[in-house]
N, C-alpha and C. Protein backbone atom coordinates (compact mmCIF):
# COMPACT_ATOMS: atom_id res chain seq x y z
N MET A 1 0.82 -1.20 0.00
CA MET A 1 0.00 0.00 0.00
C MET A 1 0.87 1.27 0.00
N TYR A 2 1.83 1.34 0.90
CA TYR A 2 2.74 2.49 0.97
C TYR A 2 4.11 2.11 0.43
N SER A 3 4.77 3.06 -0.22
CA SER A 3 6.12 2.82 -0.74
C SER A 3 7.12 2.76 0.41
N ASP A 4 8.29 2.24 0.14
CA ASP A 4 9.36 2.20 1.14
C ASP A 4 9.73 3.60 1.60
N LYS A 5 9.71 4.56 0.68
CA LYS A 5 10.05 5.95 1.04
C LYS A 5 9.01 6.55 1.99
N VAL A 6 7.74 6.28 1.73
CA VAL A 6 6.69 6.77 2.63
C VAL A 6 6.91 6.18 4.02
N MET A 7 7.14 4.89 4.07
CA MET A 7 7.35 4.22 5.37
C MET A 7 8.60 4.77 6.08
N ASP A 8 9.66 5.04 5.32
CA ASP A 8 10.88 5.59 5.91
C ASP A 8 10.63 6.98 6.49
N HIS A 9 9.93 7.84 5.75
CA HIS A 9 9.67 9.20 6.24
C HIS A 9 8.64 9.20 7.37
N PHE A 10 7.78 8.18 7.42
CA PHE A 10 6.84 8.07 8.53
C PHE A 10 7.56 7.59 9.80
N THR A 11 8.38 6.55 9.67
CA THR A 11 9.04 5.99 10.86
C THR A 11 10.28 6.77 11.28
N ASN A 12 10.89 7.50 10.35
CA ASN A 12 12.07 8.32 10.64
C ASN A 12 11.90 9.72 10.05
N PRO A 13 10.91 10.48 10.53
CA PRO A 13 10.65 11.79 9.93
C PRO A 13 11.83 12.74 10.12
N ARG A 14 12.09 13.52 9.08
CA ARG A 14 13.16 14.51 9.12
C ARG A 14 12.59 15.87 9.50
N ASN A 15 13.40 16.68 10.17
CA ASN A 15 13.08 18.09 10.46
C ASN A 15 11.85 18.29 11.33
N VAL A 16 11.64 17.40 12.29
CA VAL A 16 10.51 17.53 13.21
C VAL A 16 10.83 18.59 14.26
N GLY A 17 9.85 19.41 14.58
CA GLY A 17 10.01 20.38 15.65
C GLY A 17 9.54 21.76 15.24
N GLU A 18 9.98 22.74 16.01
CA GLU A 18 9.61 24.13 15.77
C GLU A 18 10.89 24.95 15.62
N LEU A 19 10.77 26.09 14.96
CA LEU A 19 11.86 27.04 14.87
C LEU A 19 11.46 28.29 15.65
N GLU A 20 12.24 28.63 16.65
CA GLU A 20 11.99 29.88 17.36
C GLU A 20 12.31 31.03 16.43
N ASN A 21 11.51 32.07 16.48
CA ASN A 21 11.71 33.24 15.62
C ASN A 21 11.75 32.86 14.14
N ALA A 22 10.86 31.98 13.74
CA ALA A 22 10.78 31.56 12.34
C ALA A 22 10.46 32.75 11.45
N SER A 23 11.03 32.75 10.26
CA SER A 23 10.76 33.80 9.28
C SER A 23 9.31 33.73 8.80
N GLY A 24 8.80 32.51 8.70
CA GLY A 24 7.42 32.30 8.28
C GLY A 24 6.89 30.99 8.84
N VAL A 25 5.63 31.00 9.25
CA VAL A 25 4.98 29.81 9.78
C VAL A 25 3.66 29.63 9.04
N GLY A 26 3.42 28.42 8.55
CA GLY A 26 2.18 28.14 7.86
C GLY A 26 1.47 26.95 8.46
N THR A 27 0.18 27.12 8.74
CA THR A 27 -0.62 26.04 9.31
C THR A 27 -1.83 25.80 8.42
N VAL A 28 -2.02 24.55 8.04
CA VAL A 28 -3.20 24.17 7.26
C VAL A 28 -3.75 22.86 7.81
N GLY A 29 -5.00 22.62 7.51
CA GLY A 29 -5.62 21.39 7.99
C GLY A 29 -6.64 20.86 7.01
N ASN A 30 -7.14 19.70 7.34
CA ASN A 30 -8.22 19.08 6.59
C ASN A 30 -9.29 18.70 7.60
N ALA A 31 -10.37 19.46 7.61
CA ALA A 31 -11.42 19.25 8.60
C ALA A 31 -12.04 17.86 8.51
N LYS A 32 -12.08 17.28 7.31
CA LYS A 32 -12.71 15.96 7.14
C LYS A 32 -11.92 14.85 7.81
N CYS A 33 -10.58 14.88 7.67
CA CYS A 33 -9.79 13.78 8.22
C CYS A 33 -9.10 14.16 9.53
N GLY A 34 -9.07 15.46 9.85
CA GLY A 34 -8.49 15.90 11.10
C GLY A 34 -7.00 16.17 11.06
N ASP A 35 -6.35 16.02 9.90
CA ASP A 35 -4.92 16.29 9.80
C ASP A 35 -4.65 17.79 9.93
N ILE A 36 -3.60 18.12 10.67
CA ILE A 36 -3.15 19.51 10.79
C ILE A 36 -1.64 19.51 10.59
N MET A 37 -1.17 20.40 9.72
CA MET A 37 0.26 20.48 9.39
C MET A 37 0.73 21.91 9.59
N ARG A 38 1.86 22.05 10.29
CA ARG A 38 2.46 23.37 10.49
C ARG A 38 3.92 23.30 10.04
N ILE A 39 4.31 24.23 9.17
CA ILE A 39 5.68 24.30 8.68
C ILE A 39 6.30 25.63 9.10
N TYR A 40 7.53 25.55 9.60
CA TYR A 40 8.30 26.71 10.04
C TYR A 40 9.48 26.89 9.08
N LEU A 41 9.66 28.11 8.57
CA LEU A 41 10.77 28.40 7.67
C LEU A 41 11.71 29.43 8.28
N ASP A 42 13.01 29.21 8.11
CA ASP A 42 14.04 30.19 8.45
C ASP A 42 14.65 30.62 7.12
N ILE A 43 14.37 31.86 6.73
CA ILE A 43 14.79 32.37 5.42
C ILE A 43 15.83 33.46 5.62
N ASP A 44 16.96 33.35 4.92
CA ASP A 44 18.03 34.33 5.09
C ASP A 44 17.81 35.58 4.23
N ASP A 45 18.75 36.53 4.31
CA ASP A 45 18.63 37.80 3.59
C ASP A 45 18.66 37.64 2.08
N ASN A 46 19.17 36.51 1.60
CA ASN A 46 19.21 36.24 0.16
C ASN A 46 17.99 35.45 -0.31
N HIS A 47 16.99 35.33 0.58
CA HIS A 47 15.74 34.61 0.29
C HIS A 47 15.97 33.11 0.06
N ILE A 48 16.94 32.55 0.78
CA ILE A 48 17.20 31.11 0.74
C ILE A 48 16.67 30.51 2.05
N ILE A 49 16.03 29.36 1.94
CA ILE A 49 15.49 28.68 3.13
C ILE A 49 16.64 27.94 3.81
N ARG A 50 17.11 28.53 4.91
CA ARG A 50 18.23 27.98 5.66
C ARG A 50 17.85 26.74 6.45
N ASP A 51 16.66 26.81 7.05
CA ASP A 51 16.21 25.69 7.87
C ASP A 51 14.69 25.61 7.79
N VAL A 52 14.20 24.43 8.07
CA VAL A 52 12.76 24.19 8.02
C VAL A 52 12.43 23.08 9.02
N LYS A 53 11.33 23.25 9.72
CA LYS A 53 10.84 22.24 10.67
C LYS A 53 9.34 22.08 10.45
N PHE A 54 8.82 20.98 10.98
CA PHE A 54 7.37 20.78 10.89
C PHE A 54 6.84 20.10 12.14
N LYS A 55 5.56 20.34 12.38
CA LYS A 55 4.79 19.60 13.37
C LYS A 55 3.49 19.22 12.69
N THR A 56 3.19 17.95 12.70
CA THR A 56 1.98 17.46 12.05
C THR A 56 1.21 16.54 12.99
N PHE A 57 -0.08 16.79 13.05
CA PHE A 57 -1.00 15.89 13.73
C PHE A 57 -1.79 15.21 12.64
N GLY A 58 -1.57 13.92 12.49
CA GLY A 58 -2.29 13.23 11.43
C GLY A 58 -1.79 11.82 11.22
N CYS A 59 -2.21 11.26 10.11
CA CYS A 59 -1.89 9.88 9.78
C CYS A 59 -0.44 9.76 9.30
N GLY A 60 -0.02 8.53 9.05
CA GLY A 60 1.34 8.27 8.59
C GLY A 60 1.67 8.98 7.29
N ALA A 61 0.71 9.04 6.37
CA ALA A 61 0.95 9.73 5.09
C ALA A 61 1.14 11.23 5.31
N ALA A 62 0.40 11.82 6.25
CA ALA A 62 0.55 13.25 6.54
C ALA A 62 1.94 13.53 7.12
N ILE A 63 2.40 12.67 7.99
CA ILE A 63 3.74 12.83 8.56
C ILE A 63 4.81 12.64 7.49
N ALA A 64 4.65 11.63 6.65
CA ALA A 64 5.62 11.37 5.58
C ALA A 64 5.67 12.52 4.58
N THR A 65 4.52 13.07 4.20
CA THR A 65 4.53 14.18 3.24
C THR A 65 5.12 15.44 3.86
N SER A 66 4.87 15.66 5.14
CA SER A 66 5.48 16.80 5.84
C SER A 66 6.99 16.67 5.84
N SER A 67 7.47 15.49 6.19
CA SER A 67 8.90 15.23 6.25
C SER A 67 9.55 15.43 4.88
N MET A 68 8.95 14.86 3.85
CA MET A 68 9.51 15.00 2.51
C MET A 68 9.47 16.45 2.04
N ALA A 69 8.38 17.15 2.31
CA ALA A 69 8.27 18.55 1.90
C ALA A 69 9.39 19.39 2.52
N THR A 70 9.71 19.13 3.78
CA THR A 70 10.79 19.90 4.42
C THR A 70 12.13 19.59 3.76
N GLU A 71 12.34 18.33 3.39
CA GLU A 71 13.58 17.96 2.71
C GLU A 71 13.67 18.65 1.34
N LEU A 72 12.55 18.78 0.67
CA LEU A 72 12.53 19.37 -0.66
C LEU A 72 12.77 20.88 -0.65
N VAL A 73 12.36 21.59 0.40
CA VAL A 73 12.51 23.05 0.41
C VAL A 73 13.81 23.52 1.05
N LYS A 74 14.41 22.69 1.88
CA LYS A 74 15.63 23.12 2.59
C LYS A 74 16.73 23.45 1.58
N GLY A 75 17.32 24.65 1.73
CA GLY A 75 18.40 25.08 0.86
C GLY A 75 17.93 25.72 -0.44
N LYS A 76 16.62 25.74 -0.66
CA LYS A 76 16.06 26.30 -1.89
C LYS A 76 15.76 27.79 -1.72
N SER A 77 15.66 28.48 -2.86
CA SER A 77 15.21 29.87 -2.84
C SER A 77 13.70 29.88 -2.62
N ILE A 78 13.18 31.04 -2.28
CA ILE A 78 11.73 31.17 -2.12
C ILE A 78 11.02 30.74 -3.41
N GLN A 79 11.53 31.19 -4.54
CA GLN A 79 10.89 30.88 -5.82
C GLN A 79 10.93 29.38 -6.11
N GLU A 80 12.05 28.74 -5.80
CA GLU A 80 12.15 27.29 -6.00
C GLU A 80 11.18 26.56 -5.08
N ALA A 81 11.05 27.02 -3.84
CA ALA A 81 10.12 26.40 -2.88
C ALA A 81 8.68 26.54 -3.35
N LEU A 82 8.39 27.68 -3.95
CA LEU A 82 7.03 27.93 -4.44
C LEU A 82 6.66 26.97 -5.56
N GLU A 83 7.65 26.46 -6.28
CA GLU A 83 7.40 25.54 -7.39
C GLU A 83 7.16 24.10 -6.94
N ILE A 84 7.35 23.81 -5.66
CA ILE A 84 7.12 22.45 -5.16
C ILE A 84 5.62 22.25 -5.00
N THR A 85 5.11 21.27 -5.72
CA THR A 85 3.67 21.00 -5.71
C THR A 85 3.39 19.69 -4.97
N ASN A 86 2.12 19.39 -4.80
CA ASN A 86 1.77 18.12 -4.18
C ASN A 86 2.27 16.96 -5.04
N LYS A 87 2.29 17.13 -6.36
CA LYS A 87 2.79 16.07 -7.24
C LYS A 87 4.29 15.86 -7.03
N THR A 88 5.03 16.96 -6.82
CA THR A 88 6.47 16.86 -6.53
C THR A 88 6.69 16.03 -5.27
N VAL A 89 5.90 16.31 -4.24
CA VAL A 89 6.02 15.59 -2.96
C VAL A 89 5.67 14.12 -3.16
N MET A 90 4.58 13.85 -3.87
CA MET A 90 4.17 12.45 -4.11
C MET A 90 5.23 11.69 -4.90
N GLU A 91 5.76 12.32 -5.95
CA GLU A 91 6.79 11.66 -6.76
C GLU A 91 8.04 11.37 -5.93
N ALA A 92 8.42 12.30 -5.07
CA ALA A 92 9.60 12.11 -4.23
C ALA A 92 9.41 10.95 -3.25
N LEU A 93 8.15 10.68 -2.91
CA LEU A 93 7.82 9.56 -2.01
C LEU A 93 7.48 8.27 -2.77
N ASP A 94 7.67 8.28 -4.08
CA ASP A 94 7.31 7.14 -4.93
C ASP A 94 5.82 6.83 -4.87
N GLY A 95 5.00 7.88 -4.74
CA GLY A 95 3.55 7.74 -4.81
C GLY A 95 2.85 7.61 -3.48
N LEU A 96 1.56 7.88 -3.53
CA LEU A 96 0.67 7.72 -2.38
C LEU A 96 -0.61 7.05 -2.85
N PRO A 97 -1.27 6.31 -1.96
CA PRO A 97 -2.59 5.77 -2.33
C PRO A 97 -3.54 6.93 -2.63
N SER A 98 -4.47 6.73 -3.52
CA SER A 98 -5.37 7.82 -3.93
C SER A 98 -6.12 8.44 -2.76
N VAL A 99 -6.45 7.65 -1.74
CA VAL A 99 -7.17 8.19 -0.58
C VAL A 99 -6.28 9.06 0.30
N LYS A 100 -4.98 9.10 0.01
CA LYS A 100 -4.05 9.89 0.81
C LYS A 100 -3.44 11.07 0.05
N ILE A 101 -3.93 11.31 -1.16
CA ILE A 101 -3.40 12.42 -1.96
C ILE A 101 -3.59 13.76 -1.24
N HIS A 102 -4.66 13.89 -0.47
CA HIS A 102 -4.90 15.15 0.25
C HIS A 102 -3.75 15.49 1.19
N CYS A 103 -3.02 14.50 1.65
CA CYS A 103 -1.87 14.76 2.54
C CYS A 103 -0.78 15.54 1.80
N SER A 104 -0.57 15.20 0.53
CA SER A 104 0.42 15.94 -0.26
C SER A 104 -0.07 17.36 -0.55
N LEU A 105 -1.38 17.54 -0.67
CA LEU A 105 -1.94 18.88 -0.84
C LEU A 105 -1.72 19.71 0.41
N LEU A 106 -1.84 19.09 1.58
CA LEU A 106 -1.56 19.79 2.83
C LEU A 106 -0.12 20.28 2.85
N ALA A 107 0.81 19.42 2.42
CA ALA A 107 2.23 19.79 2.43
C ALA A 107 2.47 20.99 1.52
N GLU A 108 1.90 20.96 0.32
CA GLU A 108 2.05 22.08 -0.62
C GLU A 108 1.48 23.36 -0.02
N GLU A 109 0.28 23.28 0.51
CA GLU A 109 -0.37 24.47 1.08
C GLU A 109 0.34 24.98 2.33
N ALA A 110 0.92 24.08 3.14
CA ALA A 110 1.65 24.52 4.33
C ALA A 110 2.90 25.31 3.94
N ILE A 111 3.59 24.86 2.89
CA ILE A 111 4.75 25.61 2.39
C ILE A 111 4.28 26.99 1.93
N HIS A 112 3.21 27.03 1.15
CA HIS A 112 2.70 28.31 0.65
C HIS A 112 2.25 29.21 1.79
N ALA A 113 1.61 28.62 2.81
CA ALA A 113 1.16 29.41 3.96
C ALA A 113 2.34 30.01 4.72
N ALA A 114 3.42 29.24 4.86
CA ALA A 114 4.61 29.76 5.54
C ALA A 114 5.28 30.86 4.72
N LEU A 115 5.31 30.70 3.40
CA LEU A 115 5.85 31.75 2.53
C LEU A 115 4.97 33.00 2.57
N TRP A 116 3.66 32.80 2.62
CA TRP A 116 2.72 33.93 2.72
C TRP A 116 2.96 34.69 4.02
N ASP A 117 3.14 33.95 5.12
CA ASP A 117 3.42 34.57 6.43
C ASP A 117 4.72 35.38 6.36
N TYR A 118 5.74 34.81 5.76
CA TYR A 118 7.03 35.50 5.59
C TYR A 118 6.84 36.78 4.78
N ALA A 119 6.13 36.70 3.67
CA ALA A 119 5.91 37.86 2.81
C ALA A 119 5.13 38.95 3.56
N THR A 120 4.12 38.54 4.31
CA THR A 120 3.31 39.48 5.08
C THR A 120 4.15 40.17 6.15
N LYS A 121 4.94 39.40 6.89
CA LYS A 121 5.79 39.96 7.95
C LYS A 121 6.81 40.95 7.39
N ASN A 122 7.28 40.70 6.17
CA ASN A 122 8.33 41.53 5.58
C ASN A 122 7.81 42.53 4.55
N ASN A 123 6.48 42.59 4.43
CA ASN A 123 5.83 43.53 3.52
C ASN A 123 6.40 43.43 2.11
N ILE A 124 6.52 42.19 1.62
CA ILE A 124 7.01 41.96 0.26
C ILE A 124 5.98 41.13 -0.50
N GLU A 125 6.10 41.15 -1.80
CA GLU A 125 5.25 40.31 -2.64
C GLU A 125 6.11 39.23 -3.26
N ILE A 126 5.63 38.00 -3.20
CA ILE A 126 6.33 36.88 -3.82
C ILE A 126 5.56 36.53 -5.09
N GLU A 127 6.22 36.71 -6.22
CA GLU A 127 5.57 36.49 -7.50
C GLU A 127 5.04 35.05 -7.61
N GLY A 128 3.77 34.94 -7.94
CA GLY A 128 3.15 33.63 -8.12
C GLY A 128 2.52 33.06 -6.86
N LEU A 129 2.71 33.73 -5.71
CA LEU A 129 2.15 33.23 -4.46
C LEU A 129 0.77 33.81 -4.23
N GLU A 130 -0.20 32.92 -4.07
CA GLU A 130 -1.57 33.33 -3.77
C GLU A 130 -1.88 33.05 -2.31
N LYS A 131 -2.84 33.78 -1.78
CA LYS A 131 -3.22 33.57 -0.39
C LYS A 131 -3.61 32.11 -0.19
N PRO A 132 -2.97 31.45 0.77
CA PRO A 132 -3.23 30.01 0.96
C PRO A 132 -4.57 29.74 1.63
N LYS A 133 -5.02 28.50 1.48
CA LYS A 133 -6.25 28.05 2.13
C LYS A 133 -5.88 27.56 3.52
N ASN A 134 -6.80 27.72 4.46
CA ASN A 134 -6.57 27.20 5.82
C ASN A 134 -7.02 25.75 5.94
N ASP A 135 -7.98 25.38 5.09
CA ASP A 135 -8.55 24.04 5.17
C ASP A 135 -8.56 23.42 3.78
N ILE A 136 -7.98 22.26 3.65
CA ILE A 136 -7.94 21.53 2.40
C ILE A 136 -9.03 20.46 2.46
N HIS A 137 -9.95 20.51 1.52
CA HIS A 137 -11.02 19.52 1.48
C HIS A 137 -10.65 18.41 0.51
N GLU A 138 -10.94 17.19 0.88
CA GLU A 138 -10.60 16.04 0.04
C GLU A 138 -11.24 16.11 -1.33
N GLU A 139 -12.42 16.71 -1.43
CA GLU A 139 -13.09 16.73 -2.73
C GLU A 139 -12.40 17.66 -3.72
N GLU A 140 -11.39 18.42 -3.29
CA GLU A 140 -10.64 19.28 -4.20
C GLU A 140 -9.59 18.54 -4.99
N ASN A 141 -9.39 17.24 -4.72
CA ASN A 141 -8.34 16.47 -5.42
C ASN A 141 -8.62 16.38 -6.89
């Protein structure tokens, strides 16, 4: 059912925790399944993501997608991070069962929410970034 990569990121999640004084924090959830994902970004003066942490309340797929998403954005520019989609996260995990695709959507939206928070705090506009959703509904897949 789950790929080896999903199982690895679930049983050995990377970048778990919080960042004090984070440059941006994004929280999104799915009211239907109860998953909540929060991503913390530390962004330097050159707009590079120096560090990233996450806290997720949810199923194994939600934890695995959070972990993989943090691995994918670390060291990237804001613009590169913005290009990471739920499909990017799923492909990096060698796929997800169709009933768990919403978890990858949470990861994408949490990254966008953290970038939105960063942009708002710094009074800047990030090209291509739209106001994120707070709640991801499964029927949006």
